[in-house]
Amino acid sequence: MKDTTYTKSMTYIGAGAGVVLFAVFGLLPGSFLGGVMGLNLAGSLLGTPVASGILARLIVASSMVLGVMVAGIMFITAASTLGWLIGTVVDALRAKAHETKEAEHRA
């Protein structure tokens, strides 16, 4: 059976790094971009000078939450995938080195 120790651990490390990167670089821009999308959507649905009604606020708030969630998903998925890829390469190199060592031992 193939040993996937580094693949799993590097995936978790990548996910943790993705959360940290999202908290530092993605939270505020995701909120800003989602808010702008919400203002544009509320403006097209309710009229261009957006009034401060409940419906307009709900549209803007829900789009801000959606923007933050999309930014978080992007950061965490990208970092986890990168960690998985690095772990897979390390596991493949370790398996190849182990096979080479066994072949030298048998000869």
C-alpha atoms as a PDB file:
ATOM      1  CA  MET A   1       0.000   0.000   0.000  1.00  0.00           C
ATOM      2  CA  LYS A   2       1.234   3.433  -0.899  1.00  0.00           C
ATOM      3  CA  ASP A   3       2.285   5.688   1.980  1.00  0.00           C
ATOM      4  CA  THR A   4       0.489   9.063   1.822  1.00  0.00           C
ATOM      5  CA  THR A   5       1.756  10.557   5.065  1.00  0.00           C
ATOM      6  CA  TYR A   6       3.171  13.716   3.553  1.00  0.00           C
ATOM      7  CA  THR A   7       0.231  14.198   1.202  1.00  0.00           C
ATOM      8  CA  LYS A   8      -2.256  14.380   4.062  1.00  0.00           C
ATOM      9  CA  SER A   9      -0.115  16.500   6.339  1.00  0.00           C
ATOM     10  CA  MET A  10       0.853  18.963   3.609  1.00  0.00           C
ATOM     11  CA  THR A  11      -2.809  19.292   2.612  1.00  0.00           C
ATOM     12  CA  TYR A  12      -3.694  20.270   6.183  1.00  0.00           C
ATOM     13  CA  ILE A  13      -0.746  22.646   6.377  1.00  0.00           C
ATOM     14  CA  GLY A  14      -1.823  24.211   3.084  1.00  0.00           C
ATOM     15  CA  ALA A  15      -5.392  24.636   4.359  1.00  0.00           C
ATOM     16  CA  GLY A  16      -4.096  26.346   7.496  1.00  0.00           C
ATOM     17  CA  ALA A  17      -1.895  28.632   5.444  1.00  0.00           C
ATOM     18  CA  GLY A  18      -4.891  29.393   3.220  1.00  0.00           C
ATOM     19  CA  VAL A  19      -6.963  30.420   6.235  1.00  0.00           C
ATOM     20  CA  VAL A  20      -4.198  32.715   7.440  1.00  0.00           C
ATOM     21  CA  LEU A  21      -3.707  34.227   3.984  1.00  0.00           C
ATOM     22  CA  PHE A  22      -7.456  34.731   3.658  1.00  0.00           C
ATOM     23  CA  ALA A  23      -7.632  36.472   7.028  1.00  0.00           C
ATOM     24  CA  VAL A  24      -4.749  38.778   6.104  1.00  0.00           C
ATOM     25  CA  PHE A  25      -5.346  39.452   2.400  1.00  0.00           C
ATOM     26  CA  GLY A  26      -8.840  38.278   1.443  1.00  0.00           C
ATOM     27  CA  LEU A  27     -11.342  39.315   4.080  1.00  0.00           C
ATOM     28  CA  LEU A  28     -11.479  43.048   3.419  1.00  0.00           C
ATOM     29  CA  PRO A  29     -11.280  42.910  -0.410  1.00  0.00           C
ATOM     30  CA  GLY A  30     -13.953  40.194  -0.477  1.00  0.00           C
ATOM     31  CA  SER A  31     -16.211  42.386   1.603  1.00  0.00           C
ATOM     32  CA  PHE A  32     -15.554  45.435  -0.571  1.00  0.00           C
ATOM     33  CA  LEU A  33     -16.124  43.629  -3.858  1.00  0.00           C
ATOM     34  CA  GLY A  34     -19.258  41.934  -2.537  1.00  0.00           C
ATOM     35  CA  GLY A  35     -20.590  45.270  -1.298  1.00  0.00           C
ATOM     36  CA  VAL A  36     -20.022  46.899  -4.683  1.00  0.00           C
ATOM     37  CA  MET A  37     -21.794  44.006  -6.387  1.00  0.00           C
ATOM     38  CA  GLY A  38     -24.660  44.368  -3.928  1.00  0.00           C
ATOM     39  CA  LEU A  39     -24.922  48.101  -4.518  1.00  0.00           C
ATOM     40  CA  ASN A  40     -25.007  47.551  -8.278  1.00  0.00           C
ATOM     41  CA  LEU A  41     -27.636  44.847  -7.906  1.00  0.00           C
ATOM     42  CA  ALA A  42     -29.758  46.926  -5.527  1.00  0.00           C
ATOM     43  CA  GLY A  43     -29.404  49.927  -7.832  1.00  0.00           C
ATOM     44  CA  SER A  44     -30.608  47.973 -10.842  1.00  0.00           C
ATOM     45  CA  LEU A  45     -33.523  46.411  -8.942  1.00  0.00           C
ATOM     46  CA  LEU A  46     -34.684  49.325  -6.799  1.00  0.00           C
ATOM     47  CA  GLY A  47     -33.499  52.404  -8.676  1.00  0.00           C
ATOM     48  CA  THR A  48     -30.171  54.140  -9.068  1.00  0.00           C
ATOM     49  CA  PRO A  49     -30.060  56.350  -5.983  1.00  0.00           C
ATOM     50  CA  VAL A  50     -30.293  53.429  -3.558  1.00  0.00           C
ATOM     51  CA  ALA A  51     -32.471  54.311  -0.588  1.00  0.00           C
ATOM     52  CA  SER A  52     -31.633  53.010   2.848  1.00  0.00           C
ATOM     53  CA  GLY A  53     -34.543  50.596   3.003  1.00  0.00           C
ATOM     54  CA  ILE A  54     -34.512  47.132   4.481  1.00  0.00           C
ATOM     55  CA  LEU A  55     -34.511  45.347   1.123  1.00  0.00           C
ATOM     56  CA  ALA A  56     -31.531  47.306  -0.202  1.00  0.00           C
ATOM     57  CA  ARG A  57     -29.586  46.676   3.004  1.00  0.00           C
ATOM     58  CA  LEU A  58     -30.386  42.960   2.850  1.00  0.00           C
ATOM     59  CA  ILE A  59     -29.185  42.759  -0.757  1.00  0.00           C
ATOM     60  CA  VAL A  60     -25.926  44.557   0.047  1.00  0.00           C
ATOM     61  CA  ALA A  61     -25.305  42.563   3.233  1.00  0.00           C
ATOM     62  CA  SER A  62     -25.969  39.196   1.580  1.00  0.00           C
ATOM     63  CA  SER A  63     -23.696  40.044  -1.336  1.00  0.00           C
ATOM     64  CA  MET A  64     -20.956  41.121   1.091  1.00  0.00           C
ATOM     65  CA  VAL A  65     -21.227  37.776   2.877  1.00  0.00           C
ATOM     66  CA  LEU A  66     -21.169  36.008  -0.492  1.00  0.00           C
ATOM     67  CA  GLY A  67     -18.056  37.959  -1.531  1.00  0.00           C
ATOM     68  CA  VAL A  68     -16.260  37.032   1.690  1.00  0.00           C
ATOM     69  CA  MET A  69     -17.231  33.368   1.301  1.00  0.00           C
ATOM     70  CA  VAL A  70     -16.025  33.228  -2.309  1.00  0.00           C
ATOM     71  CA  ALA A  71     -12.718  34.838  -1.345  1.00  0.00           C
ATOM     72  CA  GLY A  72     -12.305  32.335   1.501  1.00  0.00           C
ATOM     73  CA  ILE A  73     -13.095  29.384  -0.725  1.00  0.00           C
ATOM     74  CA  MET A  74     -10.594  30.575  -3.314  1.00  0.00           C
ATOM     75  CA  PHE A  75      -7.762  31.098  -0.827  1.00  0.00           C
ATOM     76  CA  ILE A  76      -8.304  27.855   1.086  1.00  0.00           C
ATOM     77  CA  THR A  77      -8.821  25.731  -2.030  1.00  0.00           C
ATOM     78  CA  ALA A  78      -5.744  27.118  -3.782  1.00  0.00           C
ATOM     79  CA  ALA A  79      -3.488  26.699  -0.732  1.00  0.00           C
ATOM     80  CA  SER A  80      -4.811  23.184   0.005  1.00  0.00           C
ATOM     81  CA  THR A  81      -4.279  22.132  -3.596  1.00  0.00           C
ATOM     82  CA  LEU A  82      -0.751  23.481  -3.556  1.00  0.00           C
ATOM     83  CA  GLY A  83      -0.025  21.656  -0.282  1.00  0.00           C
ATOM     84  CA  TRP A  84      -1.508  18.433  -1.667  1.00  0.00           C
ATOM     85  CA  LEU A  85       0.630  18.739  -4.789  1.00  0.00           C
ATOM     86  CA  ILE A  86       3.815  19.285  -2.780  1.00  0.00           C
ATOM     87  CA  GLY A  87       2.963  16.351  -0.496  1.00  0.00           C
ATOM     88  CA  THR A  88       2.279  14.079  -3.457  1.00  0.00           C
ATOM     89  CA  VAL A  89       5.630  14.947  -5.014  1.00  0.00           C
ATOM     90  CA  VAL A  90       7.436  14.320  -1.723  1.00  0.00           C
ATOM     91  CA  ASP A  91       5.657  10.968  -1.277  1.00  0.00           C
ATOM     92  CA  ALA A  92       6.521   9.948  -4.839  1.00  0.00           C
ATOM     93  CA  LEU A  93      10.183  10.859  -4.332  1.00  0.00           C
ATOM     94  CA  ARG A  94      10.290   8.943  -1.042  1.00  0.00           C
ATOM     95  CA  ALA A  95       8.681   5.880  -2.653  1.00  0.00           C
ATOM     96  CA  LYS A  96      11.155   6.006  -5.542  1.00  0.00           C
ATOM     97  CA  ALA A  97      14.102   6.300  -3.137  1.00  0.00           C
ATOM     98  CA  HIS A  98      12.721   3.377  -1.114  1.00  0.00           C
ATOM     99  CA  GLU A  99      12.366   1.237  -4.270  1.00  0.00           C
ATOM    100  CA  THR A 100      15.901   2.133  -5.345  1.00  0.00           C
ATOM    101  CA  LYS A 101      17.258   1.218  -1.916  1.00  0.00           C
ATOM    102  CA  GLU A 102      15.429  -2.153  -2.025  1.00  0.00           C
ATOM    103  CA  ALA A 103      16.761  -2.854  -5.548  1.00  0.00           C
ATOM    104  CA  GLU A 104      20.345  -2.107  -4.436  1.00  0.00           C
ATOM    105  CA  HIS A 105      19.876  -4.298  -1.369  1.00  0.00           C
ATOM    106  CA  ARG A 106      18.669  -7.263  -3.461  1.00  0.00           C
ATOM    107  CA  ALA A 107      21.503  -7.029  -5.968  1.00  0.00           C
END
